[in-house]
Protein backbone atom coordinates (compact mmCIF):
# COMPACT_ATOMS: atom_id res chain seq x y z
CA MET A 1 118.55 116.18 201.31
CA PHE A 2 114.98 116.18 200.05
CA SER A 3 113.86 118.09 196.94
CA TYR A 4 110.47 119.71 196.42
CA ASN A 5 108.65 121.82 193.89
CA ILE A 6 106.63 124.94 194.55
CA ASN A 7 104.02 125.47 191.89
CA PRO A 8 101.10 127.89 191.55
CA ASN A 9 98.73 125.29 193.09
CA THR A 10 100.86 125.31 196.25
CA LEU A 11 100.02 128.98 196.70
CA THR A 12 96.26 128.33 196.83
CA ALA A 13 96.41 126.33 200.10
CA ASP A 14 96.79 127.63 203.65
CA PHE A 15 99.75 125.37 204.45
CA GLU A 16 102.19 123.10 202.68
CA VAL A 17 103.49 119.88 204.29
CA TRP A 18 106.81 118.45 203.16
CA ILE A 19 107.44 114.93 204.44
CA CYS A 20 111.10 113.96 204.50
CA GLY A 21 111.22 110.19 204.25
CA GLU A 22 109.26 109.26 207.39
CA ALA A 23 105.94 110.38 208.86
CA ASP A 24 107.55 112.07 211.88
CA SER A 25 110.06 113.98 209.74
CA TYR A 26 108.08 116.82 208.23
CA TYR A 27 107.86 120.57 207.86
CA LEU A 28 104.61 122.50 207.94
CA PHE A 29 105.00 125.79 206.07
CA PRO A 30 102.42 128.56 205.86
CA THR A 31 101.60 129.69 202.33
CA SER A 32 103.27 133.04 203.03
CA VAL A 33 106.65 131.28 203.21
CA MET A 34 106.00 129.37 199.98
CA LYS A 35 104.91 132.60 198.28
CA SER A 36 108.03 134.50 199.37
CA ILE A 37 110.25 131.74 197.98
CA TYR A 38 108.20 131.46 194.79
CA GLU A 39 108.39 135.21 194.14
CA ASP A 40 112.06 135.63 195.04
CA PRO A 41 113.94 136.79 191.91
CA ASP A 42 116.82 134.43 192.76
CA ALA A 43 114.62 131.34 193.25
CA TYR A 44 115.60 128.25 191.30
CA VAL A 45 113.29 127.81 188.30
CA ASP A 46 112.55 124.34 186.94
CA LYS A 47 114.17 124.07 183.50
CA THR A 48 111.26 122.17 181.98
CA HIS A 49 108.40 124.01 183.68
CA PRO A 50 109.18 127.71 184.27
CA GLU A 51 106.11 128.13 186.50
CA ILE A 52 107.67 125.78 189.08
CA ARG A 53 110.32 126.70 191.66
CA VAL A 54 112.70 124.10 193.06
CA ALA A 55 113.84 123.87 196.69
CA GLU A 56 115.82 121.40 198.77
CA VAL A 57 115.61 120.69 202.52
CA ASP A 58 118.66 119.71 204.54
CA MET A 59 117.25 118.05 207.65
CA ALA A 60 120.65 118.00 209.40
CA THR A 61 120.66 121.81 209.52
CA HIS A 62 116.92 122.45 209.06
CA SER A 63 117.69 124.73 206.17
CA LEU A 64 115.92 125.14 202.88
CA LEU A 65 118.08 125.96 199.87
CA PHE A 66 115.99 127.71 197.25
CA GLY A 67 117.97 130.19 195.19
CA ARG A 68 121.08 131.35 193.44
CA SER A 69 124.08 132.41 195.52
CA GLY A 70 123.11 129.84 198.15
CA LYS A 71 119.90 131.52 199.29
CA ARG A 72 118.62 129.63 202.31
CA LEU A 73 115.80 129.78 204.81
CA ASP A 74 116.05 128.55 208.40
CA CYS A 75 113.12 126.18 208.59
CA SER A 76 113.71 124.84 212.11
CA GLY A 77 110.58 126.64 213.34
CA TYR A 78 108.47 124.69 210.84
CA PHE A 79 109.83 121.26 211.77
CA ARG A 80 107.01 119.10 213.17
CA ALA A 81 104.78 122.16 213.50
CA VAL A 82 101.13 121.39 214.29
CA LEU A 83 98.02 123.25 213.12
CA GLY A 84 96.43 125.05 216.05
CA HIS A 85 99.77 125.19 217.83
CA TYR A 86 101.59 126.90 215.03
CA HIS A 87 104.46 129.18 216.01
């Protein structure tokens, strides 16, 4: 499992890259995905910094846990995605 933060700066880019330990183990997310997680009312909020949302990637299932009640996102379509060939 790999943990990440989504902060307001994340939402100003076109894409967000999350590298999971090694260079060939990454997810390329469009900002629209980050924004939907950030704005979700059930999203985990960082206890110290309320403007930050917390998410965790499980590479074994390509799922992103981001909210209360086990809210998850299938992120298999973002695994090793490439700009210009984005699906």
